[in-house]
Amino acid sequence: NRKVPGTIVSIDVRVIATADKDLGDLVDKGEFDRDLYEYL
């Protein structure tokens, strides 16, 4: 949504995520949110 809950200020940052596990594998196991994985 590019907005912080409770505010009208839009988010203007680049997000970099790091992981030491295979997120695709965790998604298949139901241990990681698929929408967040596809976004990141």
PDB file of all heavy atoms in Angstrom:
ATOM      1  N   ASN A   1       0.819  -1.218   0.000  1.00  0.00           N
ATOM      2  CA  ASN A   1       0.000   0.000   0.000  1.00  0.00           C
ATOM      3  C   ASN A   1       0.851   1.265   0.000  1.00  0.00           C
ATOM      4  O   ASN A   1       0.335   2.368  -0.211  1.00  0.00           O
ATOM      5  CB  ASN A   1      -0.935   0.023   1.213  1.00  0.00           C
ATOM      6  CG  ASN A   1      -1.990  -1.061   1.146  1.00  0.00           C
ATOM      7  OD1 ASN A   1      -2.462  -1.402   0.064  1.00  0.00           O
ATOM      8  ND2 ASN A   1      -2.358  -1.619   2.295  1.00  0.00           N
ATOM      9  N   ARG A   2       2.166   1.098   0.257  1.00  0.00           N
ATOM     10  CA  ARG A   2       3.111   2.220   0.282  1.00  0.00           C
ATOM     11  C   ARG A   2       2.728   3.282   1.305  1.00  0.00           C
ATOM     12  O   ARG A   2       3.040   4.459   1.158  1.00  0.00           O
ATOM     13  CB  ARG A   2       3.229   2.880  -1.094  1.00  0.00           C
ATOM     14  CG  ARG A   2       3.547   1.962  -2.237  1.00  0.00           C
ATOM     15  CD  ARG A   2       4.860   1.260  -2.068  1.00  0.00           C
ATOM     16  NE  ARG A   2       5.993   2.176  -2.166  1.00  0.00           N
ATOM     17  CZ  ARG A   2       7.261   1.794  -1.987  1.00  0.00           C
ATOM     18  NH1 ARG A   2       7.539   0.550  -1.672  1.00  0.00           N
ATOM     19  NH2 ARG A   2       8.222   2.671  -2.087  1.00  0.00           N
ATOM     20  N   LYS A   3       2.040   2.866   2.368  1.00  0.00           N
ATOM     21  CA  LYS A   3       1.672   3.793   3.438  1.00  0.00           C
ATOM     22  C   LYS A   3       1.770   3.096   4.783  1.00  0.00           C
ATOM     23  O   LYS A   3       1.463   1.911   4.907  1.00  0.00           O
ATOM     24  CB  LYS A   3       0.257   4.333   3.238  1.00  0.00           C
ATOM     25  CG  LYS A   3       0.139   5.374   2.144  1.00  0.00           C
ATOM     26  CD  LYS A   3      -1.249   5.994   2.120  1.00  0.00           C
ATOM     27  CE  LYS A   3      -1.331   7.066   1.038  1.00  0.00           C
ATOM     28  NZ  LYS A   3      -2.670   7.701   0.995  1.00  0.00           N
ATOM     29  N   VAL A   4       2.193   3.859   5.793  1.00  0.00           N
ATOM     30  CA  VAL A   4       2.253   3.330   7.148  1.00  0.00           C
ATOM     31  C   VAL A   4       0.872   3.446   7.778  1.00  0.00           C
ATOM     32  O   VAL A   4       0.223   4.492   7.656  1.00  0.00           O
ATOM     33  CB  VAL A   4       3.283   4.109   7.993  1.00  0.00           C
ATOM     34  CG1 VAL A   4       3.318   3.583   9.420  1.00  0.00           C
ATOM     35  CG2 VAL A   4       4.653   4.023   7.345  1.00  0.00           C
ATOM     36  N   PRO A   5       0.379   2.379   8.420  1.00  0.00           N
ATOM     37  CA  PRO A   5      -0.956   2.434   9.032  1.00  0.00           C
ATOM     38  C   PRO A   5      -1.098   3.611   9.992  1.00  0.00           C
ATOM     39  O   PRO A   5      -0.201   3.915  10.770  1.00  0.00           O
ATOM     40  CB  PRO A   5      -1.043   1.100   9.785  1.00  0.00           C
ATOM     41  CG  PRO A   5      -0.097   0.199   9.074  1.00  0.00           C
ATOM     42  CD  PRO A   5       1.019   1.062   8.601  1.00  0.00           C
ATOM     43  N   GLY A   6      -2.235   4.290   9.904  1.00  0.00           N
ATOM     44  CA  GLY A   6      -2.503   5.401  10.810  1.00  0.00           C
ATOM     45  C   GLY A   6      -1.928   6.719  10.366  1.00  0.00           C
ATOM     46  O   GLY A   6      -2.037   7.723  11.075  1.00  0.00           O
ATOM     47  N   THR A   7      -1.281   6.768   9.177  1.00  0.00           N
ATOM     48  CA  THR A   7      -0.697   8.022   8.685  1.00  0.00           C
ATOM     49  C   THR A   7      -1.117   8.233   7.234  1.00  0.00           C
ATOM     50  O   THR A   7      -1.644   7.329   6.579  1.00  0.00           O
ATOM     51  CB  THR A   7       0.844   8.001   8.751  1.00  0.00           C
ATOM     52  OG1 THR A   7       1.346   7.121   7.740  1.00  0.00           O
ATOM     53  CG2 THR A   7       1.330   7.532  10.112  1.00  0.00           C
ATOM     54  N   ILE A   8      -0.857   9.436   6.753  1.00  0.00           N
ATOM     55  CA  ILE A   8      -1.133   9.742   5.337  1.00  0.00           C
ATOM     56  C   ILE A   8       0.161   9.874   4.549  1.00  0.00           C
ATOM     57  O   ILE A   8       0.147  10.206   3.361  1.00  0.00           O
ATOM     58  CB  ILE A   8      -1.948  11.049   5.220  1.00  0.00           C
ATOM     59  CG1 ILE A   8      -1.170  12.225   5.833  1.00  0.00           C
ATOM     60  CG2 ILE A   8      -3.310  10.898   5.859  1.00  0.00           C
ATOM     61  CD1 ILE A   8      -1.824  13.565   5.584  1.00  0.00           C
ATOM     62  N   VAL A   9       1.298   9.605   5.222  1.00  0.00           N
ATOM     63  CA  VAL A   9       2.609   9.747   4.582  1.00  0.00           C
ATOM     64  C   VAL A   9       2.908   8.505   3.750  1.00  0.00           C
ATOM     65  O   VAL A   9       2.822   7.375   4.248  1.00  0.00           O
ATOM     66  CB  VAL A   9       3.717   9.950   5.640  1.00  0.00           C
ATOM     67  CG1 VAL A   9       5.077  10.083   4.962  1.00  0.00           C
ATOM     68  CG2 VAL A   9       3.414  11.170   6.498  1.00  0.00           C
ATOM     69  N   SER A  10       3.235   8.694   2.471  1.00  0.00           N
ATOM     70  CA  SER A  10       3.559   7.560   1.597  1.00  0.00           C
ATOM     71  C   SER A  10       5.005   7.130   1.815  1.00  0.00           C
ATOM     72  O   SER A  10       5.854   7.915   2.235  1.00  0.00           O
ATOM     73  CB  SER A  10       3.332   7.932   0.134  1.00  0.00           C
ATOM     74  OG  SER A  10       4.167   9.013  -0.231  1.00  0.00           O
ATOM     75  N   ILE A  11       5.266   5.876   1.528  1.00  0.00           N
ATOM     76  CA  ILE A  11       6.607   5.304   1.716  1.00  0.00           C
ATOM     77  C   ILE A  11       7.429   5.511   0.451  1.00  0.00           C
ATOM     78  O   ILE A  11       6.998   5.142  -0.642  1.00  0.00           O
ATOM     79  CB  ILE A  11       6.511   3.801   2.049  1.00  0.00           C
ATOM     80  CG1 ILE A  11       5.863   3.595   3.411  1.00  0.00           C
ATOM     81  CG2 ILE A  11       7.892   3.158   2.026  1.00  0.00           C
ATOM     82  CD1 ILE A  11       5.650   2.139   3.769  1.00  0.00           C
ATOM     83  N   ASP A  12       8.607   6.089   0.604  1.00  0.00           N
ATOM     84  CA  ASP A  12       9.541   6.267  -0.514  1.00  0.00           C
ATOM     85  C   ASP A  12      10.900   5.709  -0.108  1.00  0.00           C
ATOM     86  O   ASP A  12      11.830   6.445   0.223  1.00  0.00           O
ATOM     87  CB  ASP A  12       9.664   7.745  -0.895  1.00  0.00           C
ATOM     88  CG  ASP A  12      10.685   7.968  -2.014  1.00  0.00           C
ATOM     89  OD1 ASP A  12      10.939   7.010  -2.771  1.00  0.00           O
ATOM     90  OD2 ASP A  12      11.240   9.075  -2.101  1.00  0.00           O
ATOM     91  N   VAL A  13      11.008   4.396  -0.071  1.00  0.00           N
ATOM     92  CA  VAL A  13      12.276   3.736   0.239  1.00  0.00           C
ATOM     93  C   VAL A  13      12.433   2.540  -0.686  1.00  0.00           C
ATOM     94  O   VAL A  13      11.454   2.031  -1.230  1.00  0.00           O
ATOM     95  CB  VAL A  13      12.349   3.240   1.707  1.00  0.00           C
ATOM     96  CG1 VAL A  13      12.247   4.378   2.692  1.00  0.00           C
ATOM     97  CG2 VAL A  13      11.293   2.178   1.979  1.00  0.00           C
ATOM     98  N   ARG A  14      13.689   2.107  -0.839  1.00  0.00           N
ATOM     99  CA  ARG A  14      13.918   0.830  -1.503  1.00  0.00           C
ATOM    100  C   ARG A  14      14.102  -0.232  -0.426  1.00  0.00           C
ATOM    101  O   ARG A  14      14.884  -0.040   0.507  1.00  0.00           O
ATOM    102  CB  ARG A  14      15.157   0.877  -2.390  1.00  0.00           C
ATOM    103  CG  ARG A  14      15.284  -0.426  -3.174  1.00  0.00           C
ATOM    104  CD  ARG A  14      16.463  -0.512  -4.060  1.00  0.00           C
ATOM    105  NE  ARG A  14      16.336  -1.671  -4.925  1.00  0.00           N
ATOM    106  CZ  ARG A  14      17.283  -2.090  -5.745  1.00  0.00           C
ATOM    107  NH1 ARG A  14      18.428  -1.445  -5.830  1.00  0.00           N
ATOM    108  NH2 ARG A  14      17.090  -3.159  -6.488  1.00  0.00           N
ATOM    109  N   VAL A  15      13.403  -1.337  -0.569  1.00  0.00           N
ATOM    110  CA  VAL A  15      13.466  -2.414   0.416  1.00  0.00           C
ATOM    111  C   VAL A  15      14.374  -3.520  -0.111  1.00  0.00           C
ATOM    112  O   VAL A  15      14.188  -4.017  -1.226  1.00  0.00           O
ATOM    113  CB  VAL A  15      12.067  -2.977   0.709  1.00  0.00           C
ATOM    114  CG1 VAL A  15      12.157  -4.174   1.653  1.00  0.00           C
ATOM    115  CG2 VAL A  15      11.175  -1.898   1.313  1.00  0.00           C
ATOM    116  N   ILE A  16      15.364  -3.882   0.705  1.00  0.00           N
ATOM    117  CA  ILE A  16      16.235  -5.019   0.408  1.00  0.00           C
ATOM    118  C   ILE A  16      16.070  -6.018   1.546  1.00  0.00           C
ATOM    119  O   ILE A  16      16.248  -5.669   2.717  1.00  0.00           O
ATOM    120  CB  ILE A  16      17.706  -4.599   0.280  1.00  0.00           C
ATOM    121  CG1 ILE A  16      17.888  -3.592  -0.862  1.00  0.00           C
ATOM    122  CG2 ILE A  16      18.591  -5.810   0.053  1.00  0.00           C
ATOM    123  CD1 ILE A  16      19.313  -3.084  -1.022  1.00  0.00           C
ATOM    124  N   ALA A  17      15.705  -7.241   1.231  1.00  0.00           N
ATOM    125  CA  ALA A  17      15.533  -8.279   2.243  1.00  0.00           C
ATOM    126  C   ALA A  17      16.632  -9.324   2.102  1.00  0.00           C
ATOM    127  O   ALA A  17      17.057  -9.647   0.989  1.00  0.00           O
ATOM    128  CB  ALA A  17      14.166  -8.945   2.100  1.00  0.00           C
ATOM    129  N   THR A  18      17.114  -9.845   3.236  1.00  0.00           N
ATOM    130  CA  THR A  18      18.109 -10.912   3.211  1.00  0.00           C
ATOM    131  C   THR A  18      17.530 -12.147   3.894  1.00  0.00           C
ATOM    132  O   THR A  18      16.718 -12.031   4.817  1.00  0.00           O
ATOM    133  CB  THR A  18      19.414 -10.502   3.920  1.00  0.00           C
ATOM    134  OG1 THR A  18      19.188 -10.433   5.340  1.00  0.00           O
ATOM    135  CG2 THR A  18      19.915  -9.166   3.417  1.00  0.00           C
ATOM    136  N   ALA A  19      17.952 -13.308   3.427  1.00  0.00           N
ATOM    137  CA  ALA A  19      17.469 -14.569   4.000  1.00  0.00           C
ATOM    138  C   ALA A  19      18.559 -15.622   3.885  1.00  0.00           C
ATOM    139  O   ALA A  19      19.254 -15.698   2.865  1.00  0.00           O
ATOM    140  CB  ALA A  19      16.207 -15.034   3.287  1.00  0.00           C
ATOM    141  N   ASP A  20      18.723 -16.430   4.941  1.00  0.00           N
ATOM    142  CA  ASP A  20      19.699 -17.516   4.899  1.00  0.00           C
ATOM    143  C   ASP A  20      19.034 -18.860   4.639  1.00  0.00           C
ATOM    144  O   ASP A  20      19.658 -19.911   4.762  1.00  0.00           O
ATOM    145  CB  ASP A  20      20.526 -17.561   6.186  1.00  0.00           C
ATOM    146  CG  ASP A  20      19.672 -17.662   7.430  1.00  0.00           C
ATOM    147  OD1 ASP A  20      18.508 -18.071   7.314  1.00  0.00           O
ATOM    148  OD2 ASP A  20      20.159 -17.311   8.521  1.00  0.00           O
ATOM    149  N   LYS A  21      17.734 -18.828   4.301  1.00  0.00           N
ATOM    150  CA  LYS A  21      17.004 -20.039   3.930  1.00  0.00           C
ATOM    151  C   LYS A  21      16.339 -19.810   2.574  1.00  0.00           C
ATOM    152  O   LYS A  21      16.173 -18.670   2.141  1.00  0.00           O
ATOM    153  CB  LYS A  21      15.943 -20.376   4.984  1.00  0.00           C
ATOM    154  CG  LYS A  21      16.514 -20.661   6.363  1.00  0.00           C
ATOM    155  CD  LYS A  21      15.399 -20.883   7.375  1.00  0.00           C
ATOM    156  CE  LYS A  21      15.967 -21.097   8.782  1.00  0.00           C
ATOM    157  NZ  LYS A  21      14.883 -21.233   9.792  1.00  0.00           N
ATOM    158  N   ASP A  22      15.963 -20.905   1.932  1.00  0.00           N
ATOM    159  CA  ASP A  22      15.294 -20.823   0.633  1.00  0.00           C
ATOM    160  C   ASP A  22      13.849 -20.395   0.852  1.00  0.00           C
ATOM    161  O   ASP A  22      13.016 -21.191   1.308  1.00  0.00           O
ATOM    162  CB  ASP A  22      15.358 -22.187  -0.061  1.00  0.00           C
ATOM    163  CG  ASP A  22      14.830 -22.139  -1.484  1.00  0.00           C
ATOM    164  OD1 ASP A  22      14.050 -21.217  -1.795  1.00  0.00           O
ATOM    165  OD2 ASP A  22      15.192 -23.022  -2.279  1.00  0.00           O
ATOM    166  N   LEU A  23      13.528 -19.137   0.537  1.00  0.00           N
ATOM    167  CA  LEU A  23      12.178 -18.638   0.776  1.00  0.00           C
ATOM    168  C   LEU A  23      11.141 -19.363  -0.088  1.00  0.00           C
ATOM    169  O   LEU A  23      10.016 -19.585   0.346  1.00  0.00           O
ATOM    170  CB  LEU A  23      12.110 -17.133   0.508  1.00  0.00           C
ATOM    171  CG  LEU A  23      12.834 -16.210   1.496  1.00  0.00           C
ATOM    172  CD1 LEU A  23      12.394 -14.774   1.270  1.00  0.00           C
ATOM    173  CD2 LEU A  23      12.567 -16.611   2.925  1.00  0.00           C
ATOM    174  N   GLY A  24      11.525 -19.730  -1.289  1.00  0.00           N
ATOM    175  CA  GLY A  24      10.600 -20.470  -2.146  1.00  0.00           C
ATOM    176  C   GLY A  24      10.196 -21.784  -1.519  1.00  0.00           C
ATOM    177  O   GLY A  24       9.023 -22.185  -1.566  1.00  0.00           O
ATOM    178  N   ASP A  25      11.162 -22.468  -0.907  1.00  0.00           N
ATOM    179  CA  ASP A  25      10.882 -23.731  -0.228  1.00  0.00           C
ATOM    180  C   ASP A  25       9.982 -23.494   0.984  1.00  0.00           C
ATOM    181  O   ASP A  25       9.061 -24.268   1.248  1.00  0.00           O
ATOM    182  CB  ASP A  25      12.203 -24.378   0.197  1.00  0.00           C
ATOM    183  CG  ASP A  25      12.001 -25.771   0.781  1.00  0.00           C
ATOM    184  OD1 ASP A  25      11.262 -26.560   0.178  1.00  0.00           O
ATOM    185  OD2 ASP A  25      12.572 -26.061   1.852  1.00  0.00           O
ATOM    186  N   LEU A  26      10.241 -22.409   1.738  1.00  0.00           N
ATOM    187  CA  LEU A  26       9.417 -22.097   2.909  1.00  0.00           C
ATOM    188  C   LEU A  26       7.990 -21.760   2.496  1.00  0.00           C
ATOM    189  O   LEU A  26       7.031 -22.086   3.209  1.00  0.00           O
ATOM    190  CB  LEU A  26      10.035 -20.932   3.684  1.00  0.00           C
ATOM    191  CG  LEU A  26      11.395 -21.185   4.345  1.00  0.00           C
ATOM    192  CD1 LEU A  26      11.866 -19.935   5.079  1.00  0.00           C
ATOM    193  CD2 LEU A  26      11.323 -22.361   5.312  1.00  0.00           C
ATOM    194  N   VAL A  27       7.844 -21.089   1.344  1.00  0.00           N
ATOM    195  CA  VAL A  27       6.504 -20.777   0.843  1.00  0.00           C
ATOM    196  C   VAL A  27       5.740 -22.066   0.552  1.00  0.00           C
ATOM    197  O   VAL A  27       4.557 -22.218   0.908  1.00  0.00           O
ATOM    198  CB  VAL A  27       6.590 -19.893  -0.421  1.00  0.00           C
ATOM    199  CG1 VAL A  27       5.226 -19.804  -1.113  1.00  0.00           C
ATOM    200  CG2 VAL A  27       7.076 -18.502  -0.061  1.00  0.00           C
ATOM    201  N   ASP A  28       6.411 -23.023  -0.087  1.00  0.00           N
ATOM    202  CA  ASP A  28       5.766 -24.309  -0.400  1.00  0.00           C
ATOM    203  C   ASP A  28       5.350 -25.057   0.863  1.00  0.00           C
ATOM    204  O   ASP A  28       4.352 -25.780   0.861  1.00  0.00           O
ATOM    205  CB  ASP A  28       6.709 -25.177  -1.229  1.00  0.00           C
ATOM    206  CG  ASP A  28       6.955 -24.603  -2.617  1.00  0.00           C
ATOM    207  OD1 ASP A  28       6.113 -23.795  -3.076  1.00  0.00           O
ATOM    208  OD2 ASP A  28       7.980 -24.945  -3.233  1.00  0.00           O
ATOM    209  N   LYS A  29       6.105 -24.891   1.926  1.00  0.00           N
ATOM    210  CA  LYS A  29       5.793 -25.559   3.199  1.00  0.00           C
ATOM    211  C   LYS A  29       4.773 -24.780   4.026  1.00  0.00           C
ATOM    212  O   LYS A  29       4.373 -25.224   5.098  1.00  0.00           O
ATOM    213  CB  LYS A  29       7.070 -25.740   4.023  1.00  0.00           C
ATOM    214  CG  LYS A  29       8.067 -26.702   3.406  1.00  0.00           C
ATOM    215  CD  LYS A  29       9.332 -26.779   4.262  1.00  0.00           C
ATOM    216  CE  LYS A  29      10.348 -27.735   3.657  1.00  0.00           C
ATOM    217  NZ  LYS A  29      11.608 -27.763   4.471  1.00  0.00           N
ATOM    218  N   GLY A  30       4.381 -23.597   3.552  1.00  0.00           N
ATOM    219  CA  GLY A  30       3.432 -22.781   4.279  1.00  0.00           C
ATOM    220  C   GLY A  30       4.040 -22.015   5.435  1.00  0.00           C
ATOM    221  O   GLY A  30       3.320 -21.522   6.314  1.00  0.00           O
ATOM    222  N   GLU A  31       5.385 -21.861   5.427  1.00  0.00           N
ATOM    223  CA  GLU A  31       6.077 -21.187   6.520  1.00  0.00           C
ATOM    224  C   GLU A  31       6.444 -19.741   6.186  1.00  0.00           C
ATOM    225  O   GLU A  31       7.041 -19.048   7.002  1.00  0.00           O
ATOM    226  CB  GLU A  31       7.344 -21.970   6.904  1.00  0.00           C
ATOM    227  CG  GLU A  31       7.040 -23.379   7.404  1.00  0.00           C
ATOM    228  CD  GLU A  31       8.308 -24.184   7.658  1.00  0.00           C
ATOM    229  OE1 GLU A  31       9.405 -23.584   7.606  1.00  0.00           O
ATOM    230  OE2 GLU A  31       8.200 -25.400   7.909  1.00  0.00           O
ATOM    231  N   PHE A  32       6.123 -19.314   4.980  1.00  0.00           N
ATOM    232  CA  PHE A  32       6.405 -17.933   4.587  1.00  0.00           C
ATOM    233  C   PHE A  32       5.286 -17.450   3.680  1.00  0.00           C
ATOM    234  O   PHE A  32       4.787 -18.199   2.828  1.00  0.00           O
ATOM    235  CB  PHE A  32       7.753 -17.809   3.873  1.00  0.00           C
ATOM    236  CG  PHE A  32       8.291 -16.409   3.824  1.00  0.00           C
ATOM    237  CD1 PHE A  32       9.066 -15.917   4.864  1.00  0.00           C
ATOM    238  CD2 PHE A  32       8.009 -15.573   2.748  1.00  0.00           C
ATOM    239  CE1 PHE A  32       9.557 -14.609   4.832  1.00  0.00           C
ATOM    240  CE2 PHE A  32       8.492 -14.270   2.714  1.00  0.00           C
ATOM    241  CZ  PHE A  32       9.267 -13.799   3.764  1.00  0.00           C
ATOM    242  N   ASP A  33       4.880 -16.193   3.870  1.00  0.00           N
ATOM    243  CA  ASP A  33       3.758 -15.634   3.124  1.00  0.00           C
ATOM    244  C   ASP A  33       4.098 -15.506   1.635  1.00  0.00           C
ATOM    245  O   ASP A  33       5.096 -14.886   1.262  1.00  0.00           O
ATOM    246  CB  ASP A  33       3.403 -14.256   3.691  1.00  0.00           C
ATOM    247  CG  ASP A  33       2.185 -13.666   3.005  1.00  0.00           C
ATOM    248  OD1 ASP A  33       1.094 -14.214   3.185  1.00  0.00           O
ATOM    249  OD2 ASP A  33       2.356 -12.666   2.285  1.00  0.00           O
ATOM    250  N   ARG A  34       3.262 -16.093   0.806  1.00  0.00           N
ATOM    251  CA  ARG A  34       3.522 -16.111  -0.636  1.00  0.00           C
ATOM    252  C   ARG A  34       3.495 -14.703  -1.236  1.00  0.00           C
ATOM    253  O   ARG A  34       4.318 -14.358  -2.082  1.00  0.00           O
ATOM    254  CB  ARG A  34       2.502 -16.999  -1.341  1.00  0.00           C
ATOM    255  CG  ARG A  34       2.733 -17.112  -2.847  1.00  0.00           C
ATOM    256  CD  ARG A  34       1.751 -18.075  -3.481  1.00  0.00           C
ATOM    257  NE  ARG A  34       1.937 -19.430  -2.981  1.00  0.00           N
ATOM    258  CZ  ARG A  34       2.853 -20.283  -3.464  1.00  0.00           C
ATOM    259  NH1 ARG A  34       3.651 -19.905  -4.462  1.00  0.00           N
ATOM    260  NH2 ARG A  34       2.950 -21.488  -2.969  1.00  0.00           N
ATOM    261  N   ASP A  35       2.540 -13.870  -0.817  1.00  0.00           N
ATOM    262  CA  ASP A  35       2.434 -12.510  -1.366  1.00  0.00           C
ATOM    263  C   ASP A  35       3.684 -11.695  -1.060  1.00  0.00           C
ATOM    264  O   ASP A  35       4.202 -10.974  -1.925  1.00  0.00           O
ATOM    265  CB  ASP A  35       1.204 -11.802  -0.796  1.00  0.00           C
ATOM    266  CG  ASP A  35      -0.101 -12.381  -1.321  1.00  0.00           C
ATOM    267  OD1 ASP A  35      -0.077 -12.947  -2.433  1.00  0.00           O
ATOM    268  OD2 ASP A  35      -1.125 -12.269  -0.625  1.00  0.00           O
ATOM    269  N   LEU A  36       4.186 -11.808   0.178  1.00  0.00           N
ATOM    270  CA  LEU A  36       5.396 -11.069   0.553  1.00  0.00           C
ATOM    271  C   LEU A  36       6.597 -11.577  -0.230  1.00  0.00           C
ATOM    272  O   LEU A  36       7.437 -10.790  -0.683  1.00  0.00           O
ATOM    273  CB  LEU A  36       5.650 -11.193   2.053  1.00  0.00           C
ATOM    274  CG  LEU A  36       6.877 -10.452   2.586  1.00  0.00           C
ATOM    275  CD1 LEU A  36       6.785  -8.955   2.289  1.00  0.00           C
ATOM    276  CD2 LEU A  36       7.054 -10.685   4.086  1.00  0.00           C
ATOM    277  N   TYR A  37       6.674 -12.903  -0.406  1.00  0.00           N
ATOM    278  CA  TYR A  37       7.780 -13.487  -1.166  1.00  0.00           C
ATOM    279  C   TYR A  37       7.780 -12.973  -2.607  1.00  0.00           C
ATOM    280  O   TYR A  37       8.819 -12.567  -3.140  1.00  0.00           O
ATOM    281  CB  TYR A  37       7.673 -15.009  -1.153  1.00  0.00           C
ATOM    282  CG  TYR A  37       8.606 -15.696  -2.118  1.00  0.00           C
ATOM    283  CD1 TYR A  37       9.987 -15.672  -1.932  1.00  0.00           C
ATOM    284  CD2 TYR A  37       8.108 -16.357  -3.248  1.00  0.00           C
ATOM    285  CE1 TYR A  37      10.847 -16.289  -2.826  1.00  0.00           C
ATOM    286  CE2 TYR A  37       8.949 -16.980  -4.148  1.00  0.00           C
ATOM    287  CZ  TYR A  37      10.317 -16.935  -3.931  1.00  0.00           C
ATOM    288  OH  TYR A  37      11.165 -17.543  -4.820  1.00  0.00           O
ATOM    289  N   GLU A  38       6.620 -12.972  -3.251  1.00  0.00           N
ATOM    290  CA  GLU A  38       6.544 -12.515  -4.644  1.00  0.00           C
ATOM    291  C   GLU A  38       6.854 -11.027  -4.751  1.00  0.00           C
ATOM    292  O   GLU A  38       7.433 -10.571  -5.741  1.00  0.00           O
ATOM    293  CB  GLU A  38       5.155 -12.824  -5.211  1.00  0.00           C
ATOM    294  CG  GLU A  38       4.922 -14.318  -5.397  1.00  0.00           C
ATOM    295  CD  GLU A  38       3.517 -14.635  -5.879  1.00  0.00           C
ATOM    296  OE1 GLU A  38       2.692 -13.693  -5.953  1.00  0.00           O
ATOM    297  OE2 GLU A  38       3.249 -15.820  -6.188  1.00  0.00           O
ATOM    298  N   TYR A  39       6.475 -10.263  -3.726  1.00  0.00           N
ATOM    299  CA  TYR A  39       6.774  -8.827  -3.720  1.00  0.00           C
ATOM    300  C   TYR A  39       8.279  -8.579  -3.582  1.00  0.00           C
ATOM    301  O   TYR A  39       8.858  -7.760  -4.312  1.00  0.00           O
ATOM    302  CB  TYR A  39       6.028  -8.158  -2.564  1.00  0.00           C
ATOM    303  CG  TYR A  39       6.317  -6.681  -2.417  1.00  0.00           C
ATOM    304  CD1 TYR A  39       5.638  -5.734  -3.182  1.00  0.00           C
ATOM    305  CD2 TYR A  39       7.282  -6.229  -1.513  1.00  0.00           C
ATOM    306  CE1 TYR A  39       5.912  -4.377  -3.053  1.00  0.00           C
ATOM    307  CE2 TYR A  39       7.562  -4.881  -1.380  1.00  0.00           C
ATOM    308  CZ  TYR A  39       6.882  -3.960  -2.149  1.00  0.00           C
ATOM    309  OH  TYR A  39       7.159  -2.620  -2.025  1.00  0.00           O
ATOM    310  N   LEU A  40       8.933  -9.306  -2.658  1.00  0.00           N
ATOM    311  CA  LEU A  40      10.358  -9.071  -2.378  1.00  0.00           C
ATOM    312  C   LEU A  40      11.268  -9.606  -3.475  1.00  0.00           C
ATOM    313  O   LEU A  40      12.363  -9.082  -3.681  1.00  0.00           O
ATOM    314  CB  LEU A  40      10.744  -9.713  -1.045  1.00  0.00           C
ATOM    315  CG  LEU A  40      10.103  -9.136   0.217  1.00  0.00           C
ATOM    316  CD1 LEU A  40      10.482  -9.979   1.430  1.00  0.00           C
ATOM    317  CD2 LEU A  40      10.533  -7.687   0.426  1.00  0.00           C
TER     318      LEU A  40
END
